[in-house]
N, C-alpha and C. Protein backbone atom coordinates (compact mmCIF):
# COMPACT_ATOMS: atom_id res chain seq x y z
N MET A 1 -4.95 16.51 1.29
CA MET A 1 -4.53 15.74 2.45
C MET A 1 -5.69 14.90 3.00
N GLU A 2 -6.92 15.34 2.79
CA GLU A 2 -8.05 14.59 3.32
C GLU A 2 -8.10 13.17 2.79
N SER A 3 -7.81 12.98 1.51
CA SER A 3 -7.84 11.62 0.96
C SER A 3 -6.73 10.76 1.55
N LEU A 4 -5.57 11.36 1.81
CA LEU A 4 -4.47 10.62 2.44
C LEU A 4 -4.88 10.16 3.84
N VAL A 5 -5.48 11.06 4.60
CA VAL A 5 -5.95 10.72 5.94
C VAL A 5 -6.99 9.60 5.88
N GLU A 6 -7.93 9.71 4.96
CA GLU A 6 -8.98 8.70 4.83
C GLU A 6 -8.40 7.34 4.45
N ILE A 7 -7.47 7.32 3.50
CA ILE A 7 -6.82 6.06 3.12
C ILE A 7 -6.09 5.47 4.32
N GLY A 8 -5.35 6.31 5.04
CA GLY A 8 -4.63 5.84 6.21
C GLY A 8 -5.56 5.30 7.28
N ARG A 9 -6.63 6.00 7.56
CA ARG A 9 -7.59 5.54 8.58
C ARG A 9 -8.26 4.23 8.16
N THR A 10 -8.62 4.12 6.90
CA THR A 10 -9.25 2.89 6.40
C THR A 10 -8.27 1.73 6.53
N PHE A 11 -7.01 1.96 6.18
CA PHE A 11 -6.00 0.92 6.27
C PHE A 11 -5.80 0.47 7.72
N VAL A 12 -5.61 1.44 8.62
CA VAL A 12 -5.38 1.11 10.04
C VAL A 12 -6.58 0.35 10.61
N GLN A 13 -7.79 0.76 10.27
CA GLN A 13 -8.97 0.05 10.78
C GLN A 13 -9.02 -1.37 10.25
N ALA A 14 -8.65 -1.56 8.99
CA ALA A 14 -8.61 -2.93 8.44
C ALA A 14 -7.62 -3.79 9.20
N MET A 15 -6.49 -3.22 9.57
CA MET A 15 -5.50 -3.98 10.34
C MET A 15 -6.05 -4.29 11.75
N ARG A 16 -6.67 -3.32 12.39
CA ARG A 16 -7.24 -3.54 13.72
C ARG A 16 -8.33 -4.61 13.69
N ASP A 17 -9.10 -4.62 12.60
CA ASP A 17 -10.18 -5.60 12.45
C ASP A 17 -9.67 -6.94 11.93
N ARG A 18 -8.35 -7.02 11.74
CA ARG A 18 -7.68 -8.22 11.19
C ARG A 18 -8.20 -8.57 9.80
N ASN A 19 -8.43 -7.52 9.02
CA ASN A 19 -8.84 -7.66 7.62
C ASN A 19 -7.75 -7.17 6.68
N GLY A 20 -6.51 -7.19 7.15
CA GLY A 20 -5.40 -6.71 6.34
C GLY A 20 -5.23 -7.47 5.05
N LEU A 21 -5.41 -8.77 5.09
CA LEU A 21 -5.29 -9.58 3.88
C LEU A 21 -6.38 -9.22 2.88
N ALA A 22 -7.60 -9.09 3.36
CA ALA A 22 -8.72 -8.77 2.47
C ALA A 22 -8.59 -7.37 1.88
N SER A 23 -7.90 -6.47 2.58
CA SER A 23 -7.80 -5.09 2.10
C SER A 23 -6.79 -4.92 0.97
N VAL A 24 -5.94 -5.89 0.74
CA VAL A 24 -4.90 -5.74 -0.28
C VAL A 24 -5.52 -5.46 -1.64
N ASP A 25 -6.52 -6.22 -2.04
CA ASP A 25 -7.11 -6.06 -3.37
C ASP A 25 -7.67 -4.66 -3.60
N GLU A 26 -8.28 -4.08 -2.59
CA GLU A 26 -8.91 -2.77 -2.78
C GLU A 26 -7.97 -1.61 -2.49
N MET A 27 -6.97 -1.80 -1.64
CA MET A 27 -6.16 -0.66 -1.21
C MET A 27 -4.80 -0.54 -1.90
N TYR A 28 -4.32 -1.62 -2.51
CA TYR A 28 -2.98 -1.61 -3.11
C TYR A 28 -3.06 -1.50 -4.63
N ALA A 29 -2.13 -0.75 -5.21
CA ALA A 29 -2.00 -0.67 -6.66
C ALA A 29 -1.49 -2.01 -7.18
N GLU A 30 -1.81 -2.31 -8.40
CA GLU A 30 -1.40 -3.58 -9.00
C GLU A 30 0.12 -3.75 -8.99
N ASN A 31 0.86 -2.65 -9.15
CA ASN A 31 2.32 -2.72 -9.20
C ASN A 31 2.98 -2.33 -7.88
N ALA A 32 2.25 -2.42 -6.78
CA ALA A 32 2.78 -2.05 -5.46
C ALA A 32 4.00 -2.90 -5.09
N GLN A 33 4.82 -2.34 -4.20
CA GLN A 33 5.98 -3.05 -3.70
C GLN A 33 5.97 -3.05 -2.18
N SER A 34 6.54 -4.10 -1.60
CA SER A 34 6.68 -4.23 -0.16
C SER A 34 8.16 -4.50 0.14
N ILE A 35 8.73 -3.70 1.04
CA ILE A 35 10.14 -3.85 1.37
C ILE A 35 10.27 -4.13 2.86
N GLU A 36 10.80 -5.29 3.21
CA GLU A 36 11.05 -5.66 4.60
C GLU A 36 12.35 -5.04 5.09
N ALA A 37 12.48 -4.88 6.40
CA ALA A 37 13.71 -4.33 6.97
C ALA A 37 14.89 -5.27 6.76
N VAL A 38 14.64 -6.55 6.88
CA VAL A 38 15.66 -7.60 6.67
C VAL A 38 15.01 -8.73 5.90
N VAL A 39 15.82 -9.65 5.41
CA VAL A 39 15.28 -10.82 4.73
C VAL A 39 14.60 -11.70 5.78
N PRO A 40 13.29 -11.93 5.66
CA PRO A 40 12.60 -12.77 6.63
C PRO A 40 13.13 -14.21 6.59
N PRO A 41 13.10 -14.91 7.73
CA PRO A 41 13.65 -16.27 7.79
C PRO A 41 13.05 -17.24 6.78
N VAL A 42 11.80 -17.09 6.44
CA VAL A 42 11.15 -18.05 5.54
C VAL A 42 11.19 -17.63 4.08
N ARG A 43 11.83 -16.49 3.79
CA ARG A 43 11.89 -15.99 2.42
C ARG A 43 13.35 -15.76 2.05
N GLN A 44 13.61 -15.60 0.79
CA GLN A 44 14.98 -15.37 0.33
C GLN A 44 15.21 -13.94 -0.15
N PHE A 45 14.22 -13.06 0.04
CA PHE A 45 14.34 -11.72 -0.48
C PHE A 45 13.58 -10.73 0.39
N ARG A 46 13.99 -9.46 0.31
CA ARG A 46 13.36 -8.39 1.09
C ARG A 46 12.24 -7.70 0.34
N ILE A 47 12.33 -7.66 -1.00
CA ILE A 47 11.40 -6.88 -1.80
C ILE A 47 10.40 -7.80 -2.49
N THR A 48 9.13 -7.49 -2.30
CA THR A 48 8.05 -8.21 -2.96
C THR A 48 7.38 -7.24 -3.92
N LYS A 49 7.24 -7.65 -5.18
CA LYS A 49 6.70 -6.77 -6.21
C LYS A 49 5.36 -7.29 -6.72
N GLY A 50 4.37 -6.40 -6.71
CA GLY A 50 3.06 -6.72 -7.24
C GLY A 50 2.05 -7.02 -6.15
N ARG A 51 0.83 -6.56 -6.38
CA ARG A 51 -0.26 -6.75 -5.41
C ARG A 51 -0.49 -8.23 -5.10
N ASP A 52 -0.52 -9.07 -6.13
CA ASP A 52 -0.75 -10.50 -5.90
C ASP A 52 0.36 -11.13 -5.07
N ALA A 53 1.60 -10.72 -5.33
CA ALA A 53 2.73 -11.25 -4.57
C ALA A 53 2.69 -10.78 -3.11
N ILE A 54 2.27 -9.54 -2.90
CA ILE A 54 2.13 -9.03 -1.52
C ILE A 54 1.06 -9.82 -0.79
N LYS A 55 -0.03 -10.06 -1.46
CA LYS A 55 -1.11 -10.85 -0.85
C LYS A 55 -0.62 -12.27 -0.54
N ALA A 56 0.12 -12.89 -1.45
CA ALA A 56 0.65 -14.23 -1.23
C ALA A 56 1.63 -14.24 -0.06
N LYS A 57 2.43 -13.18 0.07
CA LYS A 57 3.37 -13.07 1.20
C LYS A 57 2.61 -13.06 2.52
N ARG A 58 1.55 -12.30 2.58
CA ARG A 58 0.74 -12.25 3.81
C ARG A 58 0.07 -13.59 4.09
N GLU A 59 -0.45 -14.23 3.04
CA GLU A 59 -1.07 -15.55 3.22
C GLU A 59 -0.07 -16.55 3.77
N ASP A 60 1.15 -16.56 3.21
CA ASP A 60 2.20 -17.47 3.69
C ASP A 60 2.51 -17.22 5.15
N TRP A 61 2.60 -15.94 5.52
CA TRP A 61 2.92 -15.60 6.90
C TRP A 61 1.81 -16.09 7.85
N LEU A 62 0.56 -15.88 7.45
CA LEU A 62 -0.57 -16.30 8.28
C LEU A 62 -0.68 -17.81 8.40
N LYS A 63 -0.19 -18.54 7.42
CA LYS A 63 -0.18 -20.01 7.50
C LYS A 63 0.78 -20.52 8.56
N THR A 64 1.83 -19.74 8.85
CA THR A 64 2.87 -20.20 9.77
C THR A 64 2.85 -19.49 11.12
N HIS A 65 2.00 -18.49 11.28
CA HIS A 65 1.94 -17.72 12.53
C HIS A 65 0.50 -17.54 12.98
N GLU A 66 0.30 -17.58 14.28
CA GLU A 66 -1.00 -17.27 14.87
C GLU A 66 -0.87 -15.97 15.63
N ILE A 67 -1.69 -14.99 15.28
CA ILE A 67 -1.65 -13.69 15.94
C ILE A 67 -2.44 -13.77 17.24
N GLN A 68 -1.76 -13.52 18.35
CA GLN A 68 -2.41 -13.50 19.65
C GLN A 68 -2.99 -12.11 19.93
N THR A 69 -2.17 -11.08 19.75
CA THR A 69 -2.62 -9.70 19.91
C THR A 69 -2.00 -8.87 18.80
N LEU A 70 -2.70 -7.81 18.41
CA LEU A 70 -2.20 -6.90 17.38
C LEU A 70 -2.73 -5.51 17.66
N THR A 71 -1.82 -4.54 17.71
CA THR A 71 -2.24 -3.15 17.78
C THR A 71 -1.66 -2.42 16.57
N ALA A 72 -2.43 -1.52 16.05
CA ALA A 72 -2.00 -0.68 14.93
C ALA A 72 -2.33 0.76 15.31
N ASP A 73 -1.30 1.58 15.44
CA ASP A 73 -1.48 2.98 15.81
C ASP A 73 -1.22 3.87 14.60
N GLY A 74 -2.10 4.80 14.39
CA GLY A 74 -1.94 5.71 13.27
C GLY A 74 -3.28 5.98 12.63
N PRO A 75 -3.27 6.56 11.48
CA PRO A 75 -2.10 6.85 10.65
C PRO A 75 -1.38 8.13 11.10
N PHE A 76 -0.08 8.13 10.93
CA PHE A 76 0.73 9.32 11.12
C PHE A 76 1.02 9.85 9.72
N VAL A 77 0.42 10.95 9.34
CA VAL A 77 0.48 11.40 7.96
C VAL A 77 1.69 12.29 7.69
N HIS A 78 2.18 12.20 6.48
CA HIS A 78 3.28 13.01 5.98
C HIS A 78 2.91 13.45 4.57
N PRO A 79 2.11 14.54 4.47
CA PRO A 79 1.64 14.98 3.17
C PRO A 79 2.81 15.28 2.23
N PRO A 80 2.67 15.07 0.94
CA PRO A 80 1.37 14.88 0.30
C PRO A 80 0.95 13.43 0.13
N ASN A 81 1.86 12.44 0.33
CA ASN A 81 1.47 11.09 -0.10
C ASN A 81 1.96 9.95 0.78
N ARG A 82 2.31 10.20 2.02
CA ARG A 82 2.78 9.08 2.85
C ARG A 82 2.10 9.09 4.22
N PHE A 83 1.97 7.90 4.77
CA PHE A 83 1.51 7.78 6.15
C PHE A 83 2.25 6.62 6.81
N GLY A 84 2.35 6.69 8.13
CA GLY A 84 3.02 5.65 8.89
C GLY A 84 2.07 5.00 9.86
N VAL A 85 2.40 3.76 10.21
CA VAL A 85 1.63 3.00 11.19
C VAL A 85 2.63 2.29 12.10
N ARG A 86 2.34 2.31 13.40
CA ARG A 86 3.16 1.58 14.37
C ARG A 86 2.40 0.30 14.73
N PHE A 87 3.08 -0.82 14.55
CA PHE A 87 2.48 -2.13 14.85
C PHE A 87 3.18 -2.78 16.02
N ASN A 88 2.39 -3.40 16.89
CA ASN A 88 2.90 -4.27 17.95
C ASN A 88 2.05 -5.52 17.91
N ALA A 89 2.72 -6.66 17.98
CA ALA A 89 1.98 -7.92 17.92
C ALA A 89 2.67 -8.97 18.76
N GLU A 90 1.86 -9.85 19.31
CA GLU A 90 2.36 -11.07 19.92
C GLU A 90 1.87 -12.20 19.03
N VAL A 91 2.81 -12.99 18.54
CA VAL A 91 2.47 -14.07 17.63
C VAL A 91 3.11 -15.37 18.11
N VAL A 92 2.55 -16.48 17.63
CA VAL A 92 3.09 -17.80 17.93
C VAL A 92 3.40 -18.48 16.60
N GLN A 93 4.63 -18.98 16.47
CA GLN A 93 4.97 -19.77 15.29
C GLN A 93 4.24 -21.11 15.42
N LYS A 94 3.45 -21.44 14.43
CA LYS A 94 2.61 -22.63 14.52
C LYS A 94 3.40 -23.92 14.62
N ASP A 95 4.50 -24.05 13.90
CA ASP A 95 5.22 -25.32 13.92
C ASP A 95 6.08 -25.54 15.16
N THR A 96 6.51 -24.45 15.83
CA THR A 96 7.38 -24.61 17.01
C THR A 96 6.71 -24.22 18.32
N GLY A 97 5.63 -23.45 18.23
CA GLY A 97 4.99 -22.94 19.45
C GLY A 97 5.72 -21.76 20.05
N GLN A 98 6.77 -21.29 19.41
CA GLN A 98 7.55 -20.18 19.93
C GLN A 98 6.74 -18.88 19.89
N ARG A 99 6.72 -18.18 21.02
CA ARG A 99 6.04 -16.88 21.10
C ARG A 99 7.04 -15.79 20.77
N MET A 100 6.54 -14.80 20.03
CA MET A 100 7.39 -13.66 19.67
C MET A 100 6.61 -12.37 19.85
N ASN A 101 7.31 -11.36 20.33
CA ASN A 101 6.75 -10.01 20.38
C ASN A 101 7.39 -9.22 19.26
N LEU A 102 6.57 -8.71 18.38
CA LEU A 102 7.05 -7.97 17.22
C LEU A 102 6.65 -6.50 17.35
N SER A 103 7.57 -5.63 17.01
CA SER A 103 7.29 -4.20 17.03
C SER A 103 7.94 -3.60 15.79
N GLU A 104 7.15 -2.89 15.00
CA GLU A 104 7.69 -2.29 13.80
C GLU A 104 6.89 -1.06 13.40
N ILE A 105 7.54 -0.25 12.59
CA ILE A 105 6.92 0.91 11.98
C ILE A 105 6.84 0.62 10.48
N ALA A 106 5.74 0.97 9.87
CA ALA A 106 5.62 0.82 8.42
C ALA A 106 5.24 2.17 7.83
N ILE A 107 5.89 2.49 6.72
CA ILE A 107 5.61 3.72 5.99
C ILE A 107 4.97 3.33 4.66
N TYR A 108 3.85 3.95 4.35
CA TYR A 108 3.09 3.64 3.14
C TYR A 108 3.07 4.87 2.23
N SER A 109 3.39 4.65 0.96
CA SER A 109 3.32 5.72 -0.04
C SER A 109 2.09 5.48 -0.91
N VAL A 110 1.38 6.55 -1.20
CA VAL A 110 0.10 6.47 -1.90
C VAL A 110 0.17 7.29 -3.20
N GLU A 111 -0.35 6.70 -4.28
CA GLU A 111 -0.50 7.41 -5.55
C GLU A 111 -1.87 7.06 -6.11
N ASP A 112 -2.58 8.05 -6.60
CA ASP A 112 -3.90 7.86 -7.21
C ASP A 112 -4.83 7.04 -6.31
N GLY A 113 -4.77 7.29 -5.00
CA GLY A 113 -5.68 6.65 -4.06
C GLY A 113 -5.34 5.22 -3.68
N LYS A 114 -4.18 4.73 -4.11
CA LYS A 114 -3.78 3.35 -3.81
C LYS A 114 -2.39 3.33 -3.19
N ILE A 115 -2.15 2.35 -2.33
CA ILE A 115 -0.82 2.16 -1.75
C ILE A 115 0.09 1.58 -2.84
N VAL A 116 1.22 2.25 -3.06
CA VAL A 116 2.17 1.79 -4.09
C VAL A 116 3.45 1.26 -3.47
N LEU A 117 3.69 1.58 -2.20
CA LEU A 117 4.91 1.14 -1.53
C LEU A 117 4.67 1.04 -0.05
N GLU A 118 5.12 -0.10 0.53
CA GLU A 118 5.14 -0.22 1.98
C GLU A 118 6.56 -0.59 2.38
N GLU A 119 7.06 0.09 3.42
CA GLU A 119 8.41 -0.15 3.90
C GLU A 119 8.34 -0.41 5.40
N PHE A 120 8.93 -1.52 5.83
CA PHE A 120 8.89 -1.90 7.23
C PHE A 120 10.21 -1.60 7.92
N PHE A 121 10.10 -1.02 9.12
CA PHE A 121 11.26 -0.69 9.95
C PHE A 121 11.10 -1.47 11.25
N MET A 122 12.11 -2.25 11.60
CA MET A 122 11.98 -3.11 12.78
C MET A 122 12.66 -2.48 13.99
N LEU A 123 12.21 -2.91 15.15
CA LEU A 123 12.83 -2.54 16.41
C LEU A 123 13.86 -3.62 16.72
N PRO A 124 15.14 -3.29 16.76
CA PRO A 124 16.15 -4.33 17.00
C PRO A 124 16.01 -4.94 18.39
N LYS A 125 16.40 -6.20 18.48
CA LYS A 125 16.32 -6.91 19.76
C LYS A 125 17.49 -6.55 20.64
């Protein structure tokens, strides 16, 4: 369980430091998957497969949104291989100036010291 806690803490700190994009290469398995709660407005699918595709998804999102505030609480561990993080963010869509408050829970599954699956759960409006 110690390695799960350490991975979770390292991940949460990277998010707090706004180094989430940079952490993908070191923390995610090459075949990792990301599953959104719903199909995001700018994408046509919920499931992203592969570390490079997950990184590209985050890059695309950062190109269109400016993060005003971000909190990441956790990790909330569920041995032997999962941890959760609660995210709250205030963001601005760059092209419209629209402000949004986002709140979600993400569950991360770990194998061989790497994140292999992230699942996002949204707070309905």
